[in-house]
Amino acid sequence: DSAGGSAKTARDRATQAILPLRGKILNVEKARLDKIYANAEIKAMITAFGTGIHEDFDISKLRYHKIIIMTDADVDGAHIRILLLTLFYRYMRPLIEYGHVYAAVPPLHRIALTGTQPPLYKIEKNKKIWYAYDDKELDNILTEIGRDGNNKIQRYKGLGEMDAEQLWETTMDPERRILKRVMVHDENASEVDLTFSTLMGDKVEPRKEFIEANAKYVTNLDI
């Protein structure tokens, strides 16, 4: 509610609508269709999008050109994002195929983009502002601008901690925001399908094998 309230205050009411979701939605990869239809958060999205779902899906009834996922810059935020993408891919796939689904990527003032979440830090000095996604980027910025008493550093624990002005400036302003479009290329379709089944399905062993094979590539581990 806190994140949704800031976003509602920050938005351009002529072109932007906000649908706050309460926590993590149902994992549709291992849920029966009746459970999916009964889930309150999924029902809210179906109503907002206007397209229907599954066999009743009709892309011509889509009410919004862009569906933008905004989540916290942590593991829970990443999990919420993949739960939403699982829903879209399995039951509203044309949303992805026609390029309507995006992840919000706030612009950094001077550092290359590294993720699909809002920044973790805001640094102010002499009326200039920088944003950093992690401790390493924060360290790089402080090394360049100098470490002294003039630095004001704010750490965001989540979207709910940003006021409307900060959320607009970092994530929602169409003049400054950067969006990553979620797409599936034809040559990767079978791989994507297998990945959703492996990571989001109800079989533990394939997921365990995937984690063991890819653990060495992890750069941000949440314990």
C-alpha atoms as a PDB file:
ATOM      1  CA  ASP A   1       0.000   0.000   0.000  1.00  0.00           C
ATOM      2  CA  SER A   2       2.814   2.420   0.807  1.00  0.00           C
ATOM      3  CA  ALA A   3       4.512   1.871  -2.562  1.00  0.00           C
ATOM      4  CA  GLY A   4       1.190   2.068  -4.363  1.00  0.00           C
ATOM      5  CA  GLY A   5       0.323   5.307  -2.577  1.00  0.00           C
ATOM      6  CA  SER A   6       3.572   6.982  -3.607  1.00  0.00           C
ATOM      7  CA  ALA A   7       3.174   5.762  -7.182  1.00  0.00           C
ATOM      8  CA  LYS A   8      -0.413   6.990  -7.377  1.00  0.00           C
ATOM      9  CA  THR A   9       0.660  10.408  -6.145  1.00  0.00           C
ATOM     10  CA  ALA A  10       3.629  10.520  -8.512  1.00  0.00           C
ATOM     11  CA  ARG A  11       1.945   9.303 -11.692  1.00  0.00           C
ATOM     12  CA  ASP A  12       0.785  11.308 -14.666  1.00  0.00           C
ATOM     13  CA  ARG A  13      -2.946  10.743 -14.249  1.00  0.00           C
ATOM     14  CA  ALA A  14      -3.589  11.319 -17.952  1.00  0.00           C
ATOM     15  CA  THR A  15      -1.452   8.393 -19.082  1.00  0.00           C
ATOM     16  CA  GLN A  16      -0.485   6.211 -16.097  1.00  0.00           C
ATOM     17  CA  ALA A  17      -2.533   3.842 -13.940  1.00  0.00           C
ATOM     18  CA  ILE A  18      -1.264   2.059 -10.836  1.00  0.00           C
ATOM     19  CA  LEU A  19      -2.366  -1.388  -9.643  1.00  0.00           C
ATOM     20  CA  PRO A  20      -0.778  -2.231  -6.262  1.00  0.00           C
ATOM     21  CA  LEU A  21      -0.417  -5.954  -5.595  1.00  0.00           C
ATOM     22  CA  ARG A  22      -0.425  -7.313  -2.059  1.00  0.00           C
ATOM     23  CA  GLY A  23       2.627  -9.511  -1.724  1.00  0.00           C
ATOM     24  CA  LYS A  24       3.336 -12.504  -3.920  1.00  0.00           C
ATOM     25  CA  ILE A  25       0.692 -13.739  -6.337  1.00  0.00           C
ATOM     26  CA  LEU A  26      -0.134 -17.401  -6.843  1.00  0.00           C
ATOM     27  CA  ASN A  27       2.456 -19.492  -8.692  1.00  0.00           C
ATOM     28  CA  VAL A  28       0.313 -20.469 -11.686  1.00  0.00           C
ATOM     29  CA  GLU A  29       2.848 -23.044 -12.904  1.00  0.00           C
ATOM     30  CA  LYS A  30       1.658 -25.481 -10.245  1.00  0.00           C
ATOM     31  CA  ALA A  31      -1.911 -24.343  -9.585  1.00  0.00           C
ATOM     32  CA  ARG A  32      -5.245 -25.552 -10.914  1.00  0.00           C
ATOM     33  CA  LEU A  33      -7.207 -23.223 -13.153  1.00  0.00           C
ATOM     34  CA  ASP A  34      -9.983 -22.776 -10.575  1.00  0.00           C
ATOM     35  CA  LYS A  35      -7.387 -21.627  -8.012  1.00  0.00           C
ATOM     36  CA  ILE A  36      -5.989 -19.159 -10.537  1.00  0.00           C
ATOM     37  CA  TYR A  37      -9.417 -17.679 -11.284  1.00  0.00           C
ATOM     38  CA  ALA A  38     -10.136 -17.414  -7.544  1.00  0.00           C
ATOM     39  CA  ASN A  39      -6.943 -15.537  -6.670  1.00  0.00           C
ATOM     40  CA  ALA A  40      -7.819 -11.935  -5.752  1.00  0.00           C
ATOM     41  CA  GLU A  41      -4.635 -10.351  -7.133  1.00  0.00           C
ATOM     42  CA  ILE A  42      -4.916 -12.212 -10.446  1.00  0.00           C
ATOM     43  CA  LYS A  43      -8.589 -11.279 -10.735  1.00  0.00           C
ATOM     44  CA  ALA A  44      -7.652  -7.634 -10.208  1.00  0.00           C
ATOM     45  CA  MET A  45      -5.135  -7.823 -13.072  1.00  0.00           C
ATOM     46  CA  ILE A  46      -7.603  -9.553 -15.384  1.00  0.00           C
ATOM     47  CA  THR A  47     -10.135  -6.799 -14.729  1.00  0.00           C
ATOM     48  CA  ALA A  48      -7.559  -4.022 -15.171  1.00  0.00           C
ATOM     49  CA  PHE A  49      -6.093  -5.387 -18.403  1.00  0.00           C
ATOM     50  CA  GLY A  50      -9.516  -6.103 -19.916  1.00  0.00           C
ATOM     51  CA  THR A  51      -8.248  -8.985 -22.043  1.00  0.00           C
ATOM     52  CA  GLY A  52      -9.574 -12.010 -20.215  1.00  0.00           C
ATOM     53  CA  ILE A  53      -7.297 -14.972 -19.596  1.00  0.00           C
ATOM     54  CA  HIS A  54      -6.330 -18.350 -21.036  1.00  0.00           C
ATOM     55  CA  GLU A  55      -8.798 -19.515 -23.728  1.00  0.00           C
ATOM     56  CA  ASP A  56     -10.864 -16.325 -23.307  1.00  0.00           C
ATOM     57  CA  PHE A  57      -7.857 -14.037 -23.867  1.00  0.00           C
ATOM     58  CA  ASP A  58      -8.463 -11.294 -26.465  1.00  0.00           C
ATOM     59  CA  ILE A  59      -5.533  -8.943 -27.137  1.00  0.00           C
ATOM     60  CA  SER A  60      -7.812  -6.477 -28.940  1.00  0.00           C
ATOM     61  CA  LYS A  61      -9.454  -5.636 -25.608  1.00  0.00           C
ATOM     62  CA  LEU A  62      -6.205  -4.623 -23.890  1.00  0.00           C
ATOM     63  CA  ARG A  63      -6.767  -1.299 -22.111  1.00  0.00           C
ATOM     64  CA  TYR A  64      -3.105  -0.290 -21.716  1.00  0.00           C
ATOM     65  CA  HIS A  65      -0.252  -0.156 -24.207  1.00  0.00           C
ATOM     66  CA  LYS A  66       2.432  -0.829 -21.594  1.00  0.00           C
ATOM     67  CA  ILE A  67       2.195  -3.122 -18.582  1.00  0.00           C
ATOM     68  CA  ILE A  68       5.180  -2.163 -16.416  1.00  0.00           C
ATOM     69  CA  ILE A  69       6.341  -4.326 -13.511  1.00  0.00           C
ATOM     70  CA  MET A  70       7.870  -2.326 -10.646  1.00  0.00           C
ATOM     71  CA  THR A  71       9.308  -4.309  -7.721  1.00  0.00           C
ATOM     72  CA  ASP A  72      11.748  -3.775  -4.877  1.00  0.00           C
ATOM     73  CA  ALA A  73      15.466  -4.175  -5.538  1.00  0.00           C
ATOM     74  CA  ASP A  74      15.806  -7.413  -3.579  1.00  0.00           C
ATOM     75  CA  VAL A  75      15.233 -11.149  -3.897  1.00  0.00           C
ATOM     76  CA  ASP A  76      11.562 -10.873  -2.921  1.00  0.00           C
ATOM     77  CA  GLY A  77      11.089  -8.267  -5.641  1.00  0.00           C
ATOM     78  CA  ALA A  78      12.737 -10.569  -8.187  1.00  0.00           C
ATOM     79  CA  HIS A  79      10.480 -13.419  -7.063  1.00  0.00           C
ATOM     80  CA  ILE A  80       7.348 -11.291  -7.442  1.00  0.00           C
ATOM     81  CA  ARG A  81       8.485 -10.275 -10.928  1.00  0.00           C
ATOM     82  CA  ILE A  82       9.000 -13.878 -12.064  1.00  0.00           C
ATOM     83  CA  LEU A  83       5.626 -14.913 -10.609  1.00  0.00           C
ATOM     84  CA  LEU A  84       3.995 -12.196 -12.717  1.00  0.00           C
ATOM     85  CA  LEU A  85       5.960 -13.212 -15.799  1.00  0.00           C
ATOM     86  CA  THR A  86       4.903 -16.828 -15.252  1.00  0.00           C
ATOM     87  CA  LEU A  87       1.262 -15.730 -15.235  1.00  0.00           C
ATOM     88  CA  PHE A  88       1.696 -13.635 -18.369  1.00  0.00           C
ATOM     89  CA  TYR A  89       3.637 -16.323 -20.222  1.00  0.00           C
ATOM     90  CA  ARG A  90       1.298 -19.200 -19.372  1.00  0.00           C
ATOM     91  CA  TYR A  91      -2.102 -17.508 -19.527  1.00  0.00           C
ATOM     92  CA  MET A  92      -1.673 -14.157 -21.305  1.00  0.00           C
ATOM     93  CA  ARG A  93       1.210 -14.905 -23.646  1.00  0.00           C
ATOM     94  CA  PRO A  94       0.205 -12.421 -26.400  1.00  0.00           C
ATOM     95  CA  LEU A  95       0.967  -9.628 -23.914  1.00  0.00           C
ATOM     96  CA  ILE A  96       4.618 -10.677 -24.194  1.00  0.00           C
ATOM     97  CA  GLU A  97       4.517 -11.673 -27.867  1.00  0.00           C
ATOM     98  CA  TYR A  98       3.131  -8.258 -28.873  1.00  0.00           C
ATOM     99  CA  GLY A  99       5.647  -6.395 -26.704  1.00  0.00           C
ATOM    100  CA  HIS A 100       3.324  -4.978 -24.038  1.00  0.00           C
ATOM    101  CA  VAL A 101       5.205  -6.192 -20.925  1.00  0.00           C
ATOM    102  CA  TYR A 102       8.096  -4.195 -19.435  1.00  0.00           C
ATOM    103  CA  ALA A 103      10.283  -4.146 -16.343  1.00  0.00           C
ATOM    104  CA  ALA A 104      11.050  -0.739 -14.870  1.00  0.00           C
ATOM    105  CA  VAL A 105      14.738   0.243 -14.916  1.00  0.00           C
ATOM    106  CA  PRO A 106      15.421   3.658 -13.348  1.00  0.00           C
ATOM    107  CA  PRO A 107      18.150   5.658 -15.107  1.00  0.00           C
ATOM    108  CA  LEU A 108      21.484   5.981 -13.371  1.00  0.00           C
ATOM    109  CA  HIS A 109      23.118   9.358 -13.741  1.00  0.00           C
ATOM    110  CA  ARG A 110      26.530   7.992 -14.644  1.00  0.00           C
ATOM    111  CA  ILE A 111      26.790   4.223 -14.153  1.00  0.00           C
ATOM    112  CA  ALA A 112      25.803   1.499 -16.632  1.00  0.00           C
ATOM    113  CA  LEU A 113      22.532  -0.294 -16.023  1.00  0.00           C
ATOM    114  CA  THR A 114      22.878  -3.555 -14.126  1.00  0.00           C
ATOM    115  CA  GLY A 115      19.392  -4.677 -13.251  1.00  0.00           C
ATOM    116  CA  THR A 116      15.679  -4.269 -13.490  1.00  0.00           C
ATOM    117  CA  GLN A 117      14.941  -2.753 -10.095  1.00  0.00           C
ATOM    118  CA  PRO A 118      14.815   0.700  -8.562  1.00  0.00           C
ATOM    119  CA  PRO A 119      18.106   1.929  -7.039  1.00  0.00           C
ATOM    120  CA  LEU A 120      19.284   0.944  -3.580  1.00  0.00           C
ATOM    121  CA  TYR A 121      21.033   4.240  -2.802  1.00  0.00           C
ATOM    122  CA  LYS A 122      20.564   7.926  -3.457  1.00  0.00           C
ATOM    123  CA  ILE A 123      23.640  10.119  -3.022  1.00  0.00           C
ATOM    124  CA  GLU A 124      23.415  13.916  -2.806  1.00  0.00           C
ATOM    125  CA  LYS A 125      26.326  16.335  -2.808  1.00  0.00           C
ATOM    126  CA  ASN A 126      26.422  20.018  -3.677  1.00  0.00           C
ATOM    127  CA  LYS A 127      22.898  19.832  -5.130  1.00  0.00           C
ATOM    128  CA  LYS A 128      23.874  16.979  -7.469  1.00  0.00           C
ATOM    129  CA  ILE A 129      22.272  13.540  -7.264  1.00  0.00           C
ATOM    130  CA  TRP A 130      23.515  10.046  -8.140  1.00  0.00           C
ATOM    131  CA  TYR A 131      21.813   6.646  -7.821  1.00  0.00           C
ATOM    132  CA  ALA A 132      23.460   3.278  -7.153  1.00  0.00           C
ATOM    133  CA  TYR A 133      22.044  -0.238  -7.410  1.00  0.00           C
ATOM    134  CA  ASP A 134      24.452  -1.924  -4.984  1.00  0.00           C
ATOM    135  CA  ASP A 135      27.345  -1.380  -2.581  1.00  0.00           C
ATOM    136  CA  LYS A 136      29.952  -1.609  -5.324  1.00  0.00           C
ATOM    137  CA  GLU A 137      28.356   1.167  -7.350  1.00  0.00           C
ATOM    138  CA  LEU A 138      27.952   3.241  -4.207  1.00  0.00           C
ATOM    139  CA  ASP A 139      31.657   2.803  -3.485  1.00  0.00           C
ATOM    140  CA  ASN A 140      32.553   3.828  -7.058  1.00  0.00           C
ATOM    141  CA  ILE A 141      30.494   7.003  -6.789  1.00  0.00           C
ATOM    142  CA  LEU A 142      31.946   7.968  -3.406  1.00  0.00           C
ATOM    143  CA  THR A 143      35.463   7.339  -4.696  1.00  0.00           C
ATOM    144  CA  GLU A 144      34.858   9.731  -7.584  1.00  0.00           C
ATOM    145  CA  ILE A 145      33.041  12.517  -5.746  1.00  0.00           C
ATOM    146  CA  GLY A 146      35.071  12.256  -2.546  1.00  0.00           C
ATOM    147  CA  ARG A 147      34.244  10.873   0.883  1.00  0.00           C
ATOM    148  CA  ASP A 148      33.520  13.776   3.166  1.00  0.00           C
ATOM    149  CA  GLY A 149      30.863  15.279   5.366  1.00  0.00           C
ATOM    150  CA  ASN A 150      29.044  16.849   2.432  1.00  0.00           C
ATOM    151  CA  ASN A 151      27.739  13.493   1.206  1.00  0.00           C
ATOM    152  CA  LYS A 152      24.137  12.668   2.021  1.00  0.00           C
ATOM    153  CA  ILE A 153      23.377   8.978   1.435  1.00  0.00           C
ATOM    154  CA  GLN A 154      19.900   7.482   1.574  1.00  0.00           C
ATOM    155  CA  ARG A 155      19.361   3.740   1.365  1.00  0.00           C
ATOM    156  CA  TYR A 156      16.059   2.568  -0.056  1.00  0.00           C
ATOM    157  CA  LYS A 157      14.745  -0.672   1.429  1.00  0.00           C
ATOM    158  CA  GLY A 158      11.894  -0.728  -1.063  1.00  0.00           C
ATOM    159  CA  LEU A 159       9.541   1.262  -3.246  1.00  0.00           C
ATOM    160  CA  GLY A 160       7.471   2.072  -0.172  1.00  0.00           C
ATOM    161  CA  GLU A 161      10.342   4.107   1.296  1.00  0.00           C
ATOM    162  CA  MET A 162      10.461   6.447  -1.706  1.00  0.00           C
ATOM    163  CA  ASP A 163       8.256   9.502  -1.637  1.00  0.00           C
ATOM    164  CA  ALA A 164       6.307  10.465  -4.740  1.00  0.00           C
ATOM    165  CA  GLU A 165       8.973  12.841  -6.048  1.00  0.00           C
ATOM    166  CA  GLN A 166      11.750  10.263  -5.724  1.00  0.00           C
ATOM    167  CA  LEU A 167       9.680   7.515  -7.355  1.00  0.00           C
ATOM    168  CA  TRP A 168       8.763   9.774 -10.265  1.00  0.00           C
ATOM    169  CA  GLU A 169      12.343  10.938 -10.718  1.00  0.00           C
ATOM    170  CA  THR A 170      13.934   7.476 -10.653  1.00  0.00           C
ATOM    171  CA  THR A 171      11.320   5.161 -12.112  1.00  0.00           C
ATOM    172  CA  MET A 172       8.171   6.718 -13.579  1.00  0.00           C
ATOM    173  CA  ASP A 173       9.061   9.866 -15.527  1.00  0.00           C
ATOM    174  CA  PRO A 174       8.728   8.958 -19.262  1.00  0.00           C
ATOM    175  CA  GLU A 175      11.374  11.563 -20.094  1.00  0.00           C
ATOM    176  CA  ARG A 176      13.997   9.894 -17.887  1.00  0.00           C
ATOM    177  CA  ARG A 177      12.899   6.351 -17.144  1.00  0.00           C
ATOM    178  CA  ILE A 178      14.332   3.345 -18.932  1.00  0.00           C
ATOM    179  CA  LEU A 179      12.143   0.330 -19.590  1.00  0.00           C
ATOM    180  CA  LYS A 180      13.244  -3.169 -20.514  1.00  0.00           C
ATOM    181  CA  ARG A 181      10.771  -4.901 -22.792  1.00  0.00           C
ATOM    182  CA  VAL A 182      10.151  -8.559 -21.959  1.00  0.00           C
ATOM    183  CA  MET A 183      10.372 -10.602 -25.147  1.00  0.00           C
ATOM    184  CA  VAL A 184      10.613 -14.230 -26.259  1.00  0.00           C
ATOM    185  CA  HIS A 185      12.435 -14.834 -29.533  1.00  0.00           C
ATOM    186  CA  ASP A 186      11.181 -17.692 -31.699  1.00  0.00           C
ATOM    187  CA  GLU A 187      14.500 -19.514 -31.575  1.00  0.00           C
ATOM    188  CA  ASN A 188      14.408 -19.485 -27.753  1.00  0.00           C
ATOM    189  CA  ALA A 189      10.744 -20.387 -27.253  1.00  0.00           C
ATOM    190  CA  SER A 190      11.327 -24.045 -26.313  1.00  0.00           C
ATOM    191  CA  GLU A 191      14.116 -23.060 -23.904  1.00  0.00           C
ATOM    192  CA  VAL A 192      11.911 -20.459 -22.223  1.00  0.00           C
ATOM    193  CA  ASP A 193       9.116 -22.992 -21.836  1.00  0.00           C
ATOM    194  CA  LEU A 194      11.497 -25.493 -20.227  1.00  0.00           C
ATOM    195  CA  THR A 195      12.932 -22.828 -17.913  1.00  0.00           C
ATOM    196  CA  PHE A 196       9.496 -21.900 -16.561  1.00  0.00           C
ATOM    197  CA  SER A 197       8.677 -25.580 -16.030  1.00  0.00           C
ATOM    198  CA  THR A 198      12.002 -26.245 -14.304  1.00  0.00           C
ATOM    199  CA  LEU A 199      12.115 -23.234 -12.010  1.00  0.00           C
ATOM    200  CA  MET A 200       8.431 -22.694 -11.255  1.00  0.00           C
ATOM    201  CA  GLY A 201       7.004 -26.224 -11.532  1.00  0.00           C
ATOM    202  CA  ASP A 202       6.261 -28.726  -8.774  1.00  0.00           C
ATOM    203  CA  LYS A 203       9.149 -31.115  -9.522  1.00  0.00           C
ATOM    204  CA  VAL A 204      11.981 -30.471  -7.066  1.00  0.00           C
ATOM    205  CA  GLU A 205      14.775 -32.487  -8.682  1.00  0.00           C
ATOM    206  CA  PRO A 206      15.067 -30.514 -11.994  1.00  0.00           C
ATOM    207  CA  ARG A 207      15.125 -27.263 -10.021  1.00  0.00           C
ATOM    208  CA  LYS A 208      17.808 -28.622  -7.684  1.00  0.00           C
ATOM    209  CA  GLU A 209      19.929 -29.686 -10.669  1.00  0.00           C
ATOM    210  CA  PHE A 210      19.512 -26.239 -12.262  1.00  0.00           C
ATOM    211  CA  ILE A 211      20.575 -24.473  -9.062  1.00  0.00           C
ATOM    212  CA  GLU A 212      23.616 -26.709  -8.609  1.00  0.00           C
ATOM    213  CA  ALA A 213      24.689 -26.188 -12.230  1.00  0.00           C
ATOM    214  CA  ASN A 214      24.298 -22.402 -12.093  1.00  0.00           C
ATOM    215  CA  ALA A 215      25.310 -21.581  -8.508  1.00  0.00           C
ATOM    216  CA  LYS A 216      28.776 -20.487  -9.638  1.00  0.00           C
ATOM    217  CA  TYR A 217      27.246 -17.678 -11.682  1.00  0.00           C
ATOM    218  CA  VAL A 218      25.421 -16.069  -8.737  1.00  0.00           C
ATOM    219  CA  THR A 219      26.584 -12.514  -8.038  1.00  0.00           C
ATOM    220  CA  ASN A 220      23.930 -11.324  -5.562  1.00  0.00           C
ATOM    221  CA  LEU A 221      23.157 -14.042  -3.014  1.00  0.00           C
ATOM    222  CA  ASP A 222      20.437 -13.442  -0.447  1.00  0.00           C
ATOM    223  CA  ILE A 223      20.876 -15.588   2.693  1.00  0.00           C
END
